[in-house]
Amino acid sequence: MAKLKKPRRTKPATRKEFSALEETCWKELTGAWRGMSPKAMVKPGACGAWSIKDVVNHIAAWQEATLKIMPILLRRGKLPAGEFGLKTFNAKHYWEDRSRALTASRDRLNKSRKKLLTALQRVPEKRLIDVKSQVGLWAKYSTYEHYDEHLFNVRDFRAGIERRKLAAG
C-alpha cells in the first residue's frame, strides 16, 4: 500500500485563516486516532518507535515549550543561540513522558492546546502569520504544521492495525 502524503495547505493570511487551519488540522489528527482501543494507542510503531500516546505527549511538550518561548520571541524576535535542539528536546521529553497514563496524556494535550490558542490570540496578527519570523514559525510548527507532521503516520499505523484485523479475520 502506498504511503499517504502530507496535504498541501494554503498559508494563512489572517488570524481567522490561521485559526480555521489549526482547527481543521486538529480535527484531522484527533480523528485519526478517535475510536482506537487503549491497547492500540500505546502500541509502538505509530511514528518510528513511538506509540500514538507518545505522539500525543510529544505535541503537548512542544506546545508547552511554545508557551514559554513565545513571550521571549515577542520581546526579542529570536531565541538565544543553542536553545531547543530538536533531537535533544524530543528525547528528553520522550523519556520523561513514557510512564504517563494515556488518559493523562490526552488531557495534557487538550490543556496545552487550549492554553496555546489563548496565548496566540494575544500575538499581533502580522507576527502570527509571518512564517519568516520566529514568532510565526513557532506558531505554525506548534499547531497545524505539527499536527500534519504526524497525521499520516497515525493514519498509516491505524490502517495497518485494521488490515491485520481483517487478515486475521
N, C-alpha and C. Protein backbone atom coordinates (compact mmCIF):
# COMPACT_ATOMS: atom_id res chain seq x y z
N MET A 1 0.84 -1.18 0.00
CA MET A 1 0.00 0.00 0.00
C MET A 1 0.89 1.25 0.00
N ALA A 2 0.55 2.21 -0.82
CA ALA A 2 1.34 3.44 -0.94
C ALA A 2 1.20 4.29 0.31
N LYS A 3 2.29 4.93 0.68
CA LYS A 3 2.27 5.83 1.82
C LYS A 3 1.41 7.05 1.49
N LEU A 4 0.63 7.50 2.47
CA LEU A 4 -0.15 8.72 2.31
C LEU A 4 0.80 9.90 2.35
N LYS A 5 0.45 10.95 1.64
CA LYS A 5 1.29 12.14 1.60
C LYS A 5 0.67 13.27 2.39
N LYS A 6 1.55 14.12 2.89
CA LYS A 6 1.12 15.30 3.64
C LYS A 6 0.36 16.23 2.70
N PRO A 7 -0.76 16.76 3.14
CA PRO A 7 -1.54 17.64 2.25
C PRO A 7 -0.84 18.98 2.03
N ARG A 8 -1.14 19.57 0.91
CA ARG A 8 -0.67 20.94 0.67
C ARG A 8 -1.70 21.87 1.26
N ARG A 9 -1.26 22.72 2.14
CA ARG A 9 -2.17 23.65 2.82
C ARG A 9 -1.89 25.06 2.33
N THR A 10 -2.93 25.84 2.23
CA THR A 10 -2.77 27.25 1.88
C THR A 10 -2.29 27.99 3.12
N LYS A 11 -1.23 28.77 2.94
CA LYS A 11 -0.67 29.54 4.05
C LYS A 11 -1.71 30.57 4.52
N PRO A 12 -1.98 30.61 5.82
CA PRO A 12 -2.97 31.58 6.31
C PRO A 12 -2.49 33.02 6.14
N ALA A 13 -3.39 33.88 5.72
CA ALA A 13 -3.06 35.29 5.52
C ALA A 13 -3.67 36.18 6.59
N THR A 14 -4.52 35.61 7.45
CA THR A 14 -5.16 36.36 8.53
C THR A 14 -5.23 35.47 9.78
N ARG A 15 -5.51 36.08 10.91
CA ARG A 15 -5.70 35.33 12.15
C ARG A 15 -6.84 34.34 11.99
N LYS A 16 -7.92 34.79 11.34
CA LYS A 16 -9.08 33.93 11.14
C LYS A 16 -8.70 32.69 10.32
N GLU A 17 -7.91 32.87 9.27
CA GLU A 17 -7.45 31.74 8.46
C GLU A 17 -6.52 30.84 9.25
N PHE A 18 -5.66 31.43 10.07
CA PHE A 18 -4.77 30.63 10.93
C PHE A 18 -5.61 29.75 11.84
N SER A 19 -6.60 30.35 12.51
CA SER A 19 -7.45 29.61 13.44
C SER A 19 -8.24 28.52 12.73
N ALA A 20 -8.74 28.82 11.54
CA ALA A 20 -9.51 27.82 10.79
C ALA A 20 -8.61 26.66 10.37
N LEU A 21 -7.40 26.96 9.93
CA LEU A 21 -6.46 25.91 9.52
C LEU A 21 -6.05 25.06 10.72
N GLU A 22 -5.77 25.71 11.83
CA GLU A 22 -5.42 24.97 13.04
C GLU A 22 -6.55 24.02 13.42
N GLU A 23 -7.78 24.50 13.39
CA GLU A 23 -8.94 23.67 13.76
C GLU A 23 -9.12 22.50 12.80
N THR A 24 -8.97 22.74 11.51
CA THR A 24 -9.10 21.67 10.51
C THR A 24 -8.05 20.59 10.74
N CYS A 25 -6.80 21.00 10.91
CA CYS A 25 -5.71 20.04 11.11
C CYS A 25 -5.86 19.30 12.43
N TRP A 26 -6.32 20.00 13.46
CA TRP A 26 -6.56 19.36 14.77
C TRP A 26 -7.62 18.27 14.64
N LYS A 27 -8.72 18.59 13.98
CA LYS A 27 -9.79 17.61 13.81
C LYS A 27 -9.32 16.39 13.00
N GLU A 28 -8.49 16.63 11.99
CA GLU A 28 -7.95 15.52 11.20
C GLU A 28 -7.06 14.63 12.05
N LEU A 29 -6.18 15.25 12.84
CA LEU A 29 -5.26 14.47 13.68
C LEU A 29 -6.01 13.68 14.74
N THR A 30 -6.87 14.35 15.48
CA THR A 30 -7.59 13.64 16.55
C THR A 30 -8.56 12.62 15.96
N GLY A 31 -9.10 12.91 14.79
CA GLY A 31 -9.97 11.95 14.12
C GLY A 31 -9.22 10.70 13.70
N ALA A 32 -7.93 10.84 13.43
CA ALA A 32 -7.12 9.69 13.01
C ALA A 32 -6.96 8.67 14.13
N TRP A 33 -7.02 9.10 15.38
CA TRP A 33 -6.90 8.13 16.47
C TRP A 33 -8.21 7.92 17.23
N ARG A 34 -9.23 8.71 16.91
CA ARG A 34 -10.51 8.56 17.61
C ARG A 34 -11.05 7.14 17.44
N GLY A 35 -11.52 6.57 18.52
CA GLY A 35 -12.11 5.25 18.48
C GLY A 35 -11.13 4.10 18.57
N MET A 36 -9.84 4.40 18.56
CA MET A 36 -8.85 3.33 18.69
C MET A 36 -8.84 2.84 20.13
N SER A 37 -8.56 1.57 20.30
CA SER A 37 -8.52 1.00 21.64
C SER A 37 -7.30 1.54 22.41
N PRO A 38 -7.39 1.58 23.73
CA PRO A 38 -6.22 1.99 24.52
C PRO A 38 -5.00 1.13 24.21
N LYS A 39 -5.22 -0.16 23.98
CA LYS A 39 -4.10 -1.06 23.66
C LYS A 39 -3.41 -0.61 22.37
N ALA A 40 -4.19 -0.24 21.35
CA ALA A 40 -3.61 0.23 20.09
C ALA A 40 -2.91 1.58 20.27
N MET A 41 -3.45 2.43 21.13
CA MET A 41 -2.88 3.77 21.34
C MET A 41 -1.50 3.74 21.99
N VAL A 42 -1.21 2.67 22.73
CA VAL A 42 0.09 2.59 23.41
C VAL A 42 1.05 1.62 22.73
N LYS A 43 0.63 1.07 21.60
CA LYS A 43 1.48 0.14 20.85
C LYS A 43 2.55 0.91 20.07
N PRO A 44 3.82 0.54 20.19
CA PRO A 44 4.87 1.21 19.42
C PRO A 44 4.66 1.03 17.91
N GLY A 45 5.19 1.98 17.14
CA GLY A 45 5.17 1.87 15.70
C GLY A 45 4.34 2.92 14.98
N ALA A 46 3.69 3.80 15.71
CA ALA A 46 2.87 4.83 15.07
C ALA A 46 3.73 5.87 14.36
N CYS A 47 4.89 6.14 14.94
CA CYS A 47 5.80 7.14 14.37
C CYS A 47 7.20 6.68 14.76
N GLY A 48 7.78 5.83 13.93
CA GLY A 48 9.02 5.18 14.31
C GLY A 48 8.74 4.24 15.46
N ALA A 49 9.49 4.37 16.55
CA ALA A 49 9.27 3.52 17.73
C ALA A 49 8.18 4.06 18.64
N TRP A 50 7.68 5.25 18.35
CA TRP A 50 6.69 5.89 19.21
C TRP A 50 5.30 5.31 19.00
N SER A 51 4.55 5.29 20.09
CA SER A 51 3.12 4.96 20.04
C SER A 51 2.33 6.25 19.78
N ILE A 52 1.05 6.11 19.58
CA ILE A 52 0.21 7.31 19.44
C ILE A 52 0.24 8.11 20.74
N LYS A 53 0.25 7.43 21.87
CA LYS A 53 0.36 8.13 23.16
C LYS A 53 1.64 8.96 23.20
N ASP A 54 2.73 8.42 22.67
CA ASP A 54 3.98 9.17 22.63
C ASP A 54 3.86 10.41 21.75
N VAL A 55 3.17 10.27 20.62
CA VAL A 55 2.95 11.41 19.72
C VAL A 55 2.11 12.47 20.44
N VAL A 56 1.09 12.05 21.16
CA VAL A 56 0.24 12.97 21.93
C VAL A 56 1.09 13.77 22.91
N ASN A 57 1.95 13.09 23.66
CA ASN A 57 2.82 13.77 24.62
C ASN A 57 3.85 14.66 23.93
N HIS A 58 4.35 14.21 22.81
CA HIS A 58 5.33 14.97 22.03
C HIS A 58 4.73 16.31 21.59
N ILE A 59 3.54 16.28 21.03
CA ILE A 59 2.90 17.52 20.58
C ILE A 59 2.62 18.42 21.77
N ALA A 60 2.13 17.84 22.86
CA ALA A 60 1.87 18.64 24.07
C ALA A 60 3.15 19.28 24.60
N ALA A 61 4.25 18.54 24.60
CA ALA A 61 5.52 19.09 25.10
C ALA A 61 5.97 20.29 24.27
N TRP A 62 5.82 20.20 22.94
CA TRP A 62 6.20 21.33 22.08
C TRP A 62 5.25 22.51 22.27
N GLN A 63 3.98 22.24 22.51
CA GLN A 63 3.06 23.35 22.76
C GLN A 63 3.39 24.03 24.09
N GLU A 64 3.72 23.24 25.09
CA GLU A 64 4.11 23.82 26.38
C GLU A 64 5.39 24.64 26.24
N ALA A 65 6.32 24.15 25.45
CA ALA A 65 7.56 24.90 25.21
C ALA A 65 7.25 26.21 24.49
N THR A 66 6.36 26.15 23.53
CA THR A 66 5.99 27.36 22.79
C THR A 66 5.38 28.40 23.72
N LEU A 67 4.59 27.95 24.67
CA LEU A 67 4.02 28.89 25.65
C LEU A 67 5.10 29.63 26.43
N LYS A 68 6.20 28.94 26.72
CA LYS A 68 7.31 29.56 27.45
C LYS A 68 8.15 30.47 26.54
N ILE A 69 8.28 30.05 25.30
CA ILE A 69 9.15 30.74 24.35
C ILE A 69 8.50 31.98 23.72
N MET A 70 7.20 31.92 23.49
CA MET A 70 6.54 33.00 22.77
C MET A 70 6.76 34.38 23.39
N PRO A 71 6.69 34.54 24.71
CA PRO A 71 6.97 35.88 25.27
C PRO A 71 8.39 36.36 24.96
N ILE A 72 9.35 35.45 24.96
CA ILE A 72 10.73 35.82 24.63
C ILE A 72 10.81 36.26 23.17
N LEU A 73 10.18 35.50 22.30
CA LEU A 73 10.19 35.84 20.87
C LEU A 73 9.49 37.17 20.60
N LEU A 74 8.41 37.42 21.30
CA LEU A 74 7.69 38.67 21.09
C LEU A 74 8.51 39.88 21.54
N ARG A 75 9.35 39.69 22.57
CA ARG A 75 10.21 40.78 23.05
C ARG A 75 11.46 40.94 22.19
N ARG A 76 12.15 39.81 21.92
CA ARG A 76 13.46 39.85 21.27
C ARG A 76 13.44 39.52 19.78
N GLY A 77 12.45 38.78 19.34
CA GLY A 77 12.38 38.37 17.94
C GLY A 77 13.05 37.05 17.64
N LYS A 78 13.92 36.59 18.55
CA LYS A 78 14.58 35.29 18.35
C LYS A 78 15.02 34.74 19.69
N LEU A 79 15.35 33.45 19.67
CA LEU A 79 15.82 32.78 20.88
C LEU A 79 17.33 32.90 21.00
N PRO A 80 17.83 32.80 22.21
CA PRO A 80 19.29 32.75 22.36
C PRO A 80 19.84 31.53 21.62
N ALA A 81 21.04 31.64 21.11
CA ALA A 81 21.66 30.53 20.37
C ALA A 81 21.71 29.28 21.21
N GLY A 82 21.48 28.14 20.57
CA GLY A 82 21.59 26.85 21.24
C GLY A 82 20.36 26.40 21.99
N GLU A 83 19.32 27.20 22.01
CA GLU A 83 18.10 26.82 22.73
C GLU A 83 17.29 25.82 21.90
N PHE A 84 16.73 24.85 22.57
CA PHE A 84 15.76 23.92 22.00
C PHE A 84 16.26 23.13 20.80
N GLY A 85 17.33 22.37 21.01
CA GLY A 85 17.76 21.43 19.99
C GLY A 85 16.68 20.37 19.81
N LEU A 86 16.27 20.16 18.59
CA LEU A 86 15.14 19.30 18.26
C LEU A 86 15.30 17.88 18.81
N LYS A 87 16.38 17.22 18.47
CA LYS A 87 16.57 15.83 18.89
C LYS A 87 16.70 15.70 20.41
N THR A 88 17.43 16.62 21.01
CA THR A 88 17.61 16.59 22.46
C THR A 88 16.28 16.80 23.17
N PHE A 89 15.52 17.78 22.71
CA PHE A 89 14.22 18.07 23.30
C PHE A 89 13.30 16.85 23.18
N ASN A 90 13.21 16.28 21.98
CA ASN A 90 12.33 15.14 21.76
C ASN A 90 12.73 13.94 22.63
N ALA A 91 14.01 13.65 22.71
CA ALA A 91 14.47 12.51 23.51
C ALA A 91 14.20 12.74 24.99
N LYS A 92 14.51 13.93 25.46
CA LYS A 92 14.29 14.26 26.88
C LYS A 92 12.82 14.06 27.25
N HIS A 93 11.93 14.60 26.45
CA HIS A 93 10.51 14.53 26.78
C HIS A 93 9.94 13.12 26.55
N TYR A 94 10.47 12.41 25.60
CA TYR A 94 10.02 11.02 25.42
C TYR A 94 10.27 10.23 26.70
N TRP A 95 11.47 10.34 27.23
CA TRP A 95 11.81 9.58 28.45
C TRP A 95 11.04 10.09 29.66
N GLU A 96 10.83 11.38 29.74
CA GLU A 96 10.07 11.94 30.87
C GLU A 96 8.60 11.52 30.83
N ASP A 97 8.06 11.36 29.62
CA ASP A 97 6.62 11.13 29.46
C ASP A 97 6.23 9.68 29.26
N ARG A 98 7.18 8.79 29.15
CA ARG A 98 6.84 7.42 28.76
C ARG A 98 5.95 6.70 29.77
N SER A 99 6.00 7.07 31.03
CA SER A 99 5.17 6.40 32.03
C SER A 99 3.84 7.13 32.28
N ARG A 100 3.62 8.22 31.61
CA ARG A 100 2.36 8.96 31.77
C ARG A 100 1.21 8.12 31.22
N ALA A 101 0.11 8.05 31.94
CA ALA A 101 -1.05 7.27 31.52
C ALA A 101 -1.68 7.88 30.26
N LEU A 102 -2.34 7.06 29.48
CA LEU A 102 -2.98 7.51 28.24
C LEU A 102 -3.99 8.63 28.50
N THR A 103 -4.83 8.46 29.49
CA THR A 103 -5.84 9.49 29.80
C THR A 103 -5.16 10.80 30.19
N ALA A 104 -4.12 10.72 31.00
CA ALA A 104 -3.38 11.91 31.41
C ALA A 104 -2.69 12.56 30.20
N SER A 105 -2.23 11.76 29.27
CA SER A 105 -1.59 12.28 28.06
C SER A 105 -2.59 13.04 27.21
N ARG A 106 -3.77 12.47 27.03
CA ARG A 106 -4.81 13.15 26.25
C ARG A 106 -5.23 14.46 26.91
N ASP A 107 -5.41 14.41 28.23
CA ASP A 107 -5.78 15.63 28.97
C ASP A 107 -4.71 16.70 28.82
N ARG A 108 -3.47 16.27 28.91
CA ARG A 108 -2.35 17.20 28.77
C ARG A 108 -2.38 17.89 27.41
N LEU A 109 -2.59 17.12 26.36
CA LEU A 109 -2.63 17.70 25.01
C LEU A 109 -3.79 18.68 24.88
N ASN A 110 -4.94 18.31 25.35
CA ASN A 110 -6.10 19.22 25.25
C ASN A 110 -5.85 20.51 26.01
N LYS A 111 -5.24 20.42 27.19
CA LYS A 111 -4.96 21.61 28.00
C LYS A 111 -3.87 22.47 27.35
N SER A 112 -2.83 21.83 26.85
CA SER A 112 -1.74 22.62 26.24
C SER A 112 -2.24 23.34 24.99
N ARG A 113 -3.07 22.66 24.22
CA ARG A 113 -3.63 23.29 23.01
C ARG A 113 -4.50 24.48 23.39
N LYS A 114 -5.36 24.30 24.35
CA LYS A 114 -6.25 25.39 24.77
C LYS A 114 -5.44 26.60 25.25
N LYS A 115 -4.44 26.35 26.08
CA LYS A 115 -3.60 27.45 26.58
C LYS A 115 -2.84 28.12 25.45
N LEU A 116 -2.31 27.32 24.53
CA LEU A 116 -1.55 27.89 23.42
C LEU A 116 -2.44 28.74 22.52
N LEU A 117 -3.61 28.23 22.20
CA LEU A 117 -4.52 29.01 21.34
C LEU A 117 -4.93 30.31 22.00
N THR A 118 -5.13 30.27 23.30
CA THR A 118 -5.45 31.50 24.04
C THR A 118 -4.27 32.48 23.96
N ALA A 119 -3.07 31.98 24.16
CA ALA A 119 -1.87 32.83 24.09
C ALA A 119 -1.68 33.39 22.69
N LEU A 120 -1.93 32.59 21.68
CA LEU A 120 -1.73 33.06 20.30
C LEU A 120 -2.74 34.14 19.92
N GLN A 121 -3.86 34.20 20.60
CA GLN A 121 -4.83 35.27 20.34
C GLN A 121 -4.25 36.64 20.72
N ARG A 122 -3.27 36.65 21.61
CA ARG A 122 -2.64 37.91 22.04
C ARG A 122 -1.46 38.31 21.16
N VAL A 123 -1.05 37.42 20.27
CA VAL A 123 0.07 37.72 19.37
C VAL A 123 -0.47 38.62 18.24
N PRO A 124 0.22 39.71 17.95
CA PRO A 124 -0.24 40.56 16.85
C PRO A 124 -0.39 39.75 15.55
N GLU A 125 -1.47 39.98 14.84
CA GLU A 125 -1.79 39.18 13.65
C GLU A 125 -0.64 39.13 12.65
N LYS A 126 -0.03 40.26 12.40
CA LYS A 126 1.06 40.29 11.41
C LYS A 126 2.19 39.35 11.81
N ARG A 127 2.52 39.29 13.08
CA ARG A 127 3.60 38.42 13.55
C ARG A 127 3.16 36.95 13.58
N LEU A 128 1.89 36.72 13.88
CA LEU A 128 1.36 35.36 13.94
C LEU A 128 1.45 34.67 12.58
N ILE A 129 1.13 35.37 11.53
CA ILE A 129 1.07 34.74 10.20
C ILE A 129 2.35 34.90 9.39
N ASP A 130 3.33 35.64 9.91
CA ASP A 130 4.60 35.84 9.20
C ASP A 130 5.54 34.66 9.46
N VAL A 131 5.53 33.69 8.55
CA VAL A 131 6.34 32.49 8.75
C VAL A 131 7.83 32.73 8.49
N LYS A 132 8.21 33.96 8.16
CA LYS A 132 9.63 34.29 8.05
C LYS A 132 10.18 34.75 9.40
N SER A 133 9.27 34.99 10.35
CA SER A 133 9.69 35.40 11.69
C SER A 133 9.67 34.19 12.62
N GLN A 134 10.46 34.26 13.68
CA GLN A 134 10.48 33.19 14.68
C GLN A 134 9.11 33.02 15.34
N VAL A 135 8.40 34.13 15.56
CA VAL A 135 7.08 34.06 16.18
C VAL A 135 6.14 33.25 15.28
N GLY A 136 6.09 33.61 14.01
CA GLY A 136 5.22 32.91 13.08
C GLY A 136 5.60 31.45 12.88
N LEU A 137 6.91 31.19 12.84
CA LEU A 137 7.37 29.80 12.70
C LEU A 137 6.98 28.95 13.90
N TRP A 138 7.19 29.47 15.12
CA TRP A 138 6.82 28.71 16.31
C TRP A 138 5.31 28.50 16.37
N ALA A 139 4.53 29.50 15.99
CA ALA A 139 3.07 29.36 15.98
C ALA A 139 2.66 28.26 15.01
N LYS A 140 3.22 28.29 13.83
CA LYS A 140 2.91 27.32 12.78
C LYS A 140 3.34 25.91 13.18
N TYR A 141 4.59 25.77 13.62
CA TYR A 141 5.13 24.44 13.90
C TYR A 141 4.68 23.85 15.24
N SER A 142 4.01 24.62 16.06
CA SER A 142 3.46 24.05 17.30
C SER A 142 1.97 23.78 17.17
N THR A 143 1.41 24.09 16.00
CA THR A 143 -0.02 23.83 15.78
C THR A 143 -0.20 23.06 14.48
N TYR A 144 -0.75 23.68 13.47
CA TYR A 144 -1.18 22.96 12.26
C TYR A 144 -0.08 22.21 11.54
N GLU A 145 1.10 22.74 11.43
CA GLU A 145 2.19 22.02 10.76
C GLU A 145 2.62 20.80 11.57
N HIS A 146 2.60 20.95 12.89
CA HIS A 146 3.00 19.82 13.74
C HIS A 146 1.95 18.72 13.67
N TYR A 147 0.69 19.10 13.65
CA TYR A 147 -0.36 18.08 13.52
C TYR A 147 -0.20 17.32 12.21
N ASP A 148 0.01 18.07 11.14
CA ASP A 148 0.19 17.43 9.82
C ASP A 148 1.43 16.55 9.77
N GLU A 149 2.48 16.95 10.50
CA GLU A 149 3.71 16.17 10.52
C GLU A 149 3.45 14.74 10.99
N HIS A 150 2.52 14.57 11.91
CA HIS A 150 2.26 13.26 12.49
C HIS A 150 0.97 12.60 11.98
N LEU A 151 0.13 13.34 11.32
CA LEU A 151 -1.17 12.85 10.87
C LEU A 151 -1.07 11.58 10.04
N PHE A 152 -0.23 11.58 9.05
CA PHE A 152 -0.21 10.45 8.14
C PHE A 152 0.50 9.24 8.73
N ASN A 153 1.43 9.47 9.65
CA ASN A 153 2.00 8.33 10.40
C ASN A 153 0.89 7.65 11.20
N VAL A 154 0.07 8.45 11.86
CA VAL A 154 -1.01 7.90 12.67
C VAL A 154 -2.03 7.18 11.78
N ARG A 155 -2.38 7.79 10.66
CA ARG A 155 -3.33 7.14 9.75
C ARG A 155 -2.77 5.83 9.19
N ASP A 156 -1.52 5.85 8.79
CA ASP A 156 -0.89 4.61 8.28
C ASP A 156 -0.87 3.53 9.35
N PHE A 157 -0.52 3.91 10.57
CA PHE A 157 -0.47 2.98 11.69
C PHE A 157 -1.84 2.36 11.92
N ARG A 158 -2.86 3.20 11.96
CA ARG A 158 -4.22 2.71 12.17
C ARG A 158 -4.65 1.79 11.04
N ALA A 159 -4.35 2.18 9.81
CA ALA A 159 -4.71 1.34 8.66
C ALA A 159 -4.03 -0.02 8.75
N GLY A 160 -2.78 -0.05 9.20
CA GLY A 160 -2.06 -1.31 9.36
C GLY A 160 -2.72 -2.21 10.39
N ILE A 161 -3.14 -1.62 11.50
CA ILE A 161 -3.85 -2.39 12.54
C ILE A 161 -5.14 -2.96 11.98
N GLU A 162 -5.87 -2.13 11.24
CA GLU A 162 -7.15 -2.59 10.68
C GLU A 162 -6.95 -3.67 9.62
N ARG A 163 -5.88 -3.55 8.81
CA ARG A 163 -5.59 -4.60 7.81
C ARG A 163 -5.27 -5.92 8.50
N ARG A 164 -4.48 -5.85 9.56
CA ARG A 164 -4.13 -7.08 10.29
C ARG A 164 -5.35 -7.73 10.92
N LYS A 165 -6.27 -6.90 11.43
CA LYS A 165 -7.52 -7.44 12.00
C LYS A 165 -8.33 -8.17 10.92
N LEU A 166 -8.42 -7.54 9.74
CA LEU A 166 -9.18 -8.16 8.64
C LEU A 166 -8.53 -9.47 8.18
N ALA A 167 -7.20 -9.43 8.09
CA ALA A 167 -6.48 -10.63 7.64
C ALA A 167 -6.62 -11.77 8.65
N ALA A 168 -6.68 -11.42 9.94
CA ALA A 168 -6.80 -12.44 10.98
C ALA A 168 -8.23 -12.96 11.08
N GLY A 169 -9.13 -12.18 10.55
CA GLY A 169 -10.43 -12.46 10.47
C GLY A 169 -11.58 -12.94 10.95
